[in-house]
């Protein structure tokens, strides 16, 4: 399965990405085009996260970056606003 995100969503998470640390973010599941809130590890280098899934990343102009990133989803989370809906 391929996931998608953009640099704007990942802005400020460079340390976590570079060090392979988990963090909360939102990704889009490509088959359903549904936003999913997750705790995940993301890597720009596929070799550093071989058990991860494909992550397509768009730049600030919504162009797809040429390099394939990887994501390992550790946990799916409820949307941050879900508490207000119950």
N, C-alpha and C. Protein backbone atom coordinates (compact mmCIF):
# COMPACT_ATOMS: atom_id res chain seq x y z
N UNK A 1 0.84 -1.18 0.00
CA UNK A 1 0.00 0.00 0.00
C UNK A 1 0.89 1.24 0.00
N UNK A 2 0.50 2.23 -0.74
CA UNK A 2 1.25 3.48 -0.76
C UNK A 2 0.50 4.55 0.03
N UNK A 3 1.26 5.37 0.69
CA UNK A 3 0.74 6.48 1.47
C UNK A 3 1.25 7.77 0.85
N UNK A 4 0.60 8.87 1.20
CA UNK A 4 1.00 10.16 0.65
C UNK A 4 0.95 11.23 1.74
N UNK A 5 1.85 12.20 1.64
CA UNK A 5 1.86 13.36 2.52
C UNK A 5 2.51 14.50 1.76
N UNK A 6 2.72 15.63 2.44
CA UNK A 6 3.42 16.73 1.78
C UNK A 6 4.39 17.38 2.76
N UNK A 7 5.31 18.15 2.20
CA UNK A 7 6.36 18.77 3.02
C UNK A 7 5.79 19.74 4.06
N UNK A 8 4.66 20.37 3.75
CA UNK A 8 4.05 21.30 4.70
C UNK A 8 3.64 20.57 5.98
N UNK A 9 3.08 19.38 5.84
CA UNK A 9 2.67 18.59 7.00
C UNK A 9 3.89 18.15 7.81
N UNK A 10 4.99 17.85 7.12
CA UNK A 10 6.20 17.36 7.79
C UNK A 10 7.10 18.48 8.30
N UNK A 11 6.75 19.72 8.00
CA UNK A 11 7.57 20.86 8.41
C UNK A 11 7.73 20.87 9.94
N UNK A 12 8.95 21.05 10.40
CA UNK A 12 9.25 21.05 11.83
C UNK A 12 9.56 19.67 12.39
N UNK A 13 9.49 18.64 11.55
CA UNK A 13 9.76 17.26 11.99
C UNK A 13 11.06 16.72 11.42
N UNK A 14 11.93 17.62 10.96
CA UNK A 14 13.18 17.19 10.34
C UNK A 14 14.05 16.36 11.28
N UNK A 15 14.12 16.75 12.56
CA UNK A 15 14.94 16.02 13.54
C UNK A 15 14.44 14.59 13.68
N UNK A 16 13.13 14.43 13.83
CA UNK A 16 12.56 13.10 13.99
C UNK A 16 12.81 12.24 12.74
N UNK A 17 12.64 12.85 11.57
CA UNK A 17 12.85 12.11 10.32
C UNK A 17 14.32 11.70 10.20
N UNK A 18 15.23 12.63 10.44
CA UNK A 18 16.67 12.34 10.31
C UNK A 18 17.15 11.29 11.31
N UNK A 19 16.56 11.29 12.53
CA UNK A 19 17.02 10.37 13.57
C UNK A 19 16.18 9.09 13.66
N UNK A 20 15.17 8.96 12.82
CA UNK A 20 14.34 7.76 12.83
C UNK A 20 13.46 7.65 14.06
N UNK A 21 13.01 8.80 14.58
CA UNK A 21 12.18 8.83 15.77
C UNK A 21 10.69 8.86 15.39
N UNK A 22 9.83 8.21 16.17
CA UNK A 22 8.40 8.25 15.87
C UNK A 22 7.80 9.61 16.21
N UNK A 23 6.79 10.00 15.45
CA UNK A 23 6.04 11.23 15.73
C UNK A 23 4.64 11.09 15.14
N UNK A 24 3.73 11.96 15.61
CA UNK A 24 2.36 11.95 15.11
C UNK A 24 2.27 12.86 13.89
N UNK A 25 1.54 12.37 12.90
CA UNK A 25 1.35 13.13 11.67
C UNK A 25 0.09 12.64 10.98
N UNK A 26 -0.21 13.23 9.86
CA UNK A 26 -1.34 12.79 9.05
C UNK A 26 -0.81 12.34 7.69
N UNK A 27 -1.36 11.24 7.20
CA UNK A 27 -1.02 10.74 5.88
C UNK A 27 -2.31 10.44 5.13
N UNK A 28 -2.20 10.33 3.84
CA UNK A 28 -3.36 10.01 3.01
C UNK A 28 -3.17 8.59 2.48
N UNK A 29 -4.20 7.78 2.68
CA UNK A 29 -4.18 6.42 2.16
C UNK A 29 -4.62 6.50 0.70
N UNK A 30 -3.72 6.15 -0.22
CA UNK A 30 -3.94 6.39 -1.65
C UNK A 30 -5.15 5.67 -2.24
N UNK A 31 -5.44 4.46 -1.82
CA UNK A 31 -6.54 3.72 -2.43
C UNK A 31 -7.89 4.34 -2.12
N UNK A 32 -8.07 4.82 -0.90
CA UNK A 32 -9.35 5.43 -0.50
C UNK A 32 -9.30 6.95 -0.51
N UNK A 33 -8.10 7.50 -0.65
CA UNK A 33 -7.84 8.94 -0.53
C UNK A 33 -8.45 9.48 0.76
N UNK A 34 -8.14 8.79 1.84
CA UNK A 34 -8.65 9.11 3.17
C UNK A 34 -7.50 9.55 4.06
N UNK A 35 -7.70 10.64 4.80
CA UNK A 35 -6.69 11.10 5.75
C UNK A 35 -6.70 10.22 6.98
N UNK A 36 -5.52 9.80 7.41
CA UNK A 36 -5.36 8.95 8.58
C UNK A 36 -4.36 9.62 9.51
N UNK A 37 -4.72 9.73 10.77
CA UNK A 37 -3.80 10.27 11.78
C UNK A 37 -3.04 9.10 12.38
N UNK A 38 -1.72 9.22 12.41
CA UNK A 38 -0.89 8.09 12.82
C UNK A 38 0.29 8.54 13.67
N UNK A 39 0.83 7.58 14.40
CA UNK A 39 2.17 7.72 14.97
C UNK A 39 3.04 6.84 14.08
N UNK A 40 4.12 7.42 13.54
CA UNK A 40 4.90 6.70 12.54
C UNK A 40 6.36 7.12 12.58
N UNK A 41 7.16 6.29 11.94
CA UNK A 41 8.55 6.61 11.65
C UNK A 41 8.62 6.84 10.15
N UNK A 42 9.24 7.93 9.74
CA UNK A 42 9.38 8.27 8.33
C UNK A 42 10.85 8.41 8.00
N UNK A 43 11.23 7.89 6.84
CA UNK A 43 12.62 7.99 6.40
C UNK A 43 12.68 8.46 4.95
N UNK A 44 13.61 9.37 4.68
CA UNK A 44 13.87 9.79 3.30
C UNK A 44 14.66 8.73 2.55
N UNK A 45 15.36 7.87 3.29
CA UNK A 45 16.21 6.83 2.71
C UNK A 45 15.53 5.47 2.88
N UNK A 46 15.02 4.88 1.81
CA UNK A 46 14.34 3.59 1.92
C UNK A 46 15.18 2.50 2.58
N UNK A 47 16.50 2.55 2.42
CA UNK A 47 17.37 1.53 3.01
C UNK A 47 17.36 1.58 4.54
N UNK A 48 17.06 2.74 5.11
CA UNK A 48 17.04 2.88 6.57
C UNK A 48 15.73 2.40 7.19
N UNK A 49 14.73 2.14 6.37
CA UNK A 49 13.44 1.67 6.87
C UNK A 49 12.91 0.58 5.93
N UNK A 50 13.64 -0.54 5.83
CA UNK A 50 13.28 -1.58 4.85
C UNK A 50 11.93 -2.23 5.10
N UNK A 51 11.45 -2.22 6.34
CA UNK A 51 10.15 -2.82 6.63
C UNK A 51 9.01 -1.81 6.54
N UNK A 52 9.32 -0.61 6.06
CA UNK A 52 8.29 0.42 5.89
C UNK A 52 7.57 0.28 4.56
N UNK A 53 6.54 1.09 4.41
CA UNK A 53 5.76 1.12 3.17
C UNK A 53 6.13 2.36 2.37
N UNK A 54 5.76 2.38 1.10
CA UNK A 54 6.05 3.53 0.24
C UNK A 54 5.33 4.77 0.75
N UNK A 55 6.03 5.89 0.73
CA UNK A 55 5.45 7.18 1.10
C UNK A 55 5.76 8.17 -0.01
N UNK A 56 4.74 8.61 -0.70
CA UNK A 56 4.87 9.63 -1.74
C UNK A 56 4.79 10.99 -1.05
N UNK A 57 5.71 11.89 -1.39
CA UNK A 57 5.76 13.20 -0.73
C UNK A 57 5.66 14.28 -1.80
N UNK A 58 4.76 15.23 -1.54
CA UNK A 58 4.59 16.38 -2.44
C UNK A 58 5.29 17.59 -1.86
N UNK A 59 5.77 18.47 -2.75
CA UNK A 59 6.40 19.71 -2.29
C UNK A 59 5.34 20.78 -2.04
N UNK A 60 5.78 21.99 -1.76
CA UNK A 60 4.85 23.07 -1.42
C UNK A 60 3.97 23.50 -2.59
N UNK A 61 4.36 23.15 -3.82
CA UNK A 61 3.54 23.45 -4.99
C UNK A 61 2.71 22.23 -5.42
N UNK A 62 2.66 21.21 -4.57
CA UNK A 62 1.91 19.97 -4.80
C UNK A 62 2.52 19.08 -5.88
N UNK A 63 3.78 19.32 -6.24
CA UNK A 63 4.49 18.43 -7.17
C UNK A 63 5.06 17.25 -6.40
N UNK A 64 4.99 16.07 -6.99
CA UNK A 64 5.52 14.88 -6.35
C UNK A 64 7.05 14.93 -6.35
N UNK A 65 7.65 14.67 -5.20
CA UNK A 65 9.12 14.60 -5.14
C UNK A 65 9.58 13.36 -5.90
N UNK A 66 10.75 13.43 -6.54
CA UNK A 66 11.20 12.29 -7.34
C UNK A 66 11.64 11.09 -6.52
N UNK A 67 12.07 11.31 -5.29
CA UNK A 67 12.56 10.21 -4.45
C UNK A 67 11.43 9.60 -3.64
N UNK A 68 11.46 8.27 -3.53
CA UNK A 68 10.47 7.56 -2.73
C UNK A 68 10.93 7.52 -1.28
N UNK A 69 10.09 7.94 -0.36
CA UNK A 69 10.35 7.86 1.06
C UNK A 69 9.69 6.59 1.58
N UNK A 70 9.91 6.27 2.88
CA UNK A 70 9.29 5.11 3.51
C UNK A 70 8.62 5.54 4.80
N UNK A 71 7.57 4.82 5.17
CA UNK A 71 6.85 5.08 6.42
C UNK A 71 6.55 3.76 7.09
N UNK A 72 6.73 3.73 8.40
CA UNK A 72 6.32 2.58 9.21
C UNK A 72 5.30 3.11 10.20
N UNK A 73 4.05 2.73 10.01
CA UNK A 73 2.97 3.20 10.88
C UNK A 73 2.96 2.33 12.12
N UNK A 74 3.13 2.98 13.26
CA UNK A 74 3.15 2.27 14.54
C UNK A 74 1.76 2.17 15.15
N UNK A 75 0.95 3.21 14.92
CA UNK A 75 -0.38 3.24 15.53
C UNK A 75 -1.27 4.22 14.76
N UNK A 76 -2.49 3.79 14.49
CA UNK A 76 -3.48 4.72 13.94
C UNK A 76 -4.16 5.41 15.12
N UNK A 77 -4.37 6.71 15.00
CA UNK A 77 -4.91 7.51 16.10
C UNK A 77 -6.22 8.15 15.66
N UNK A 78 -7.07 8.50 16.62
CA UNK A 78 -8.26 9.26 16.25
C UNK A 78 -7.86 10.68 15.85
N UNK A 79 -8.64 11.32 14.99
CA UNK A 79 -8.32 12.71 14.64
C UNK A 79 -8.27 13.58 15.88
N UNK A 80 -7.44 14.62 15.88
CA UNK A 80 -7.30 15.48 17.07
C UNK A 80 -8.62 16.10 17.51
N UNK A 81 -9.54 16.31 16.60
CA UNK A 81 -10.81 16.93 16.95
C UNK A 81 -11.88 15.92 17.35
N UNK A 82 -11.58 14.62 17.36
CA UNK A 82 -12.57 13.58 17.64
C UNK A 82 -13.19 13.72 19.02
N UNK A 83 -12.44 14.20 20.00
CA UNK A 83 -12.98 14.35 21.35
C UNK A 83 -14.13 15.34 21.38
N UNK A 84 -14.11 16.30 20.49
CA UNK A 84 -15.17 17.31 20.46
C UNK A 84 -16.45 16.78 19.82
N UNK A 85 -16.35 15.68 19.11
CA UNK A 85 -17.50 15.13 18.41
C UNK A 85 -18.30 14.15 19.25
N UNK A 86 -17.75 13.74 20.39
CA UNK A 86 -18.46 12.75 21.21
C UNK A 86 -19.17 13.40 22.37
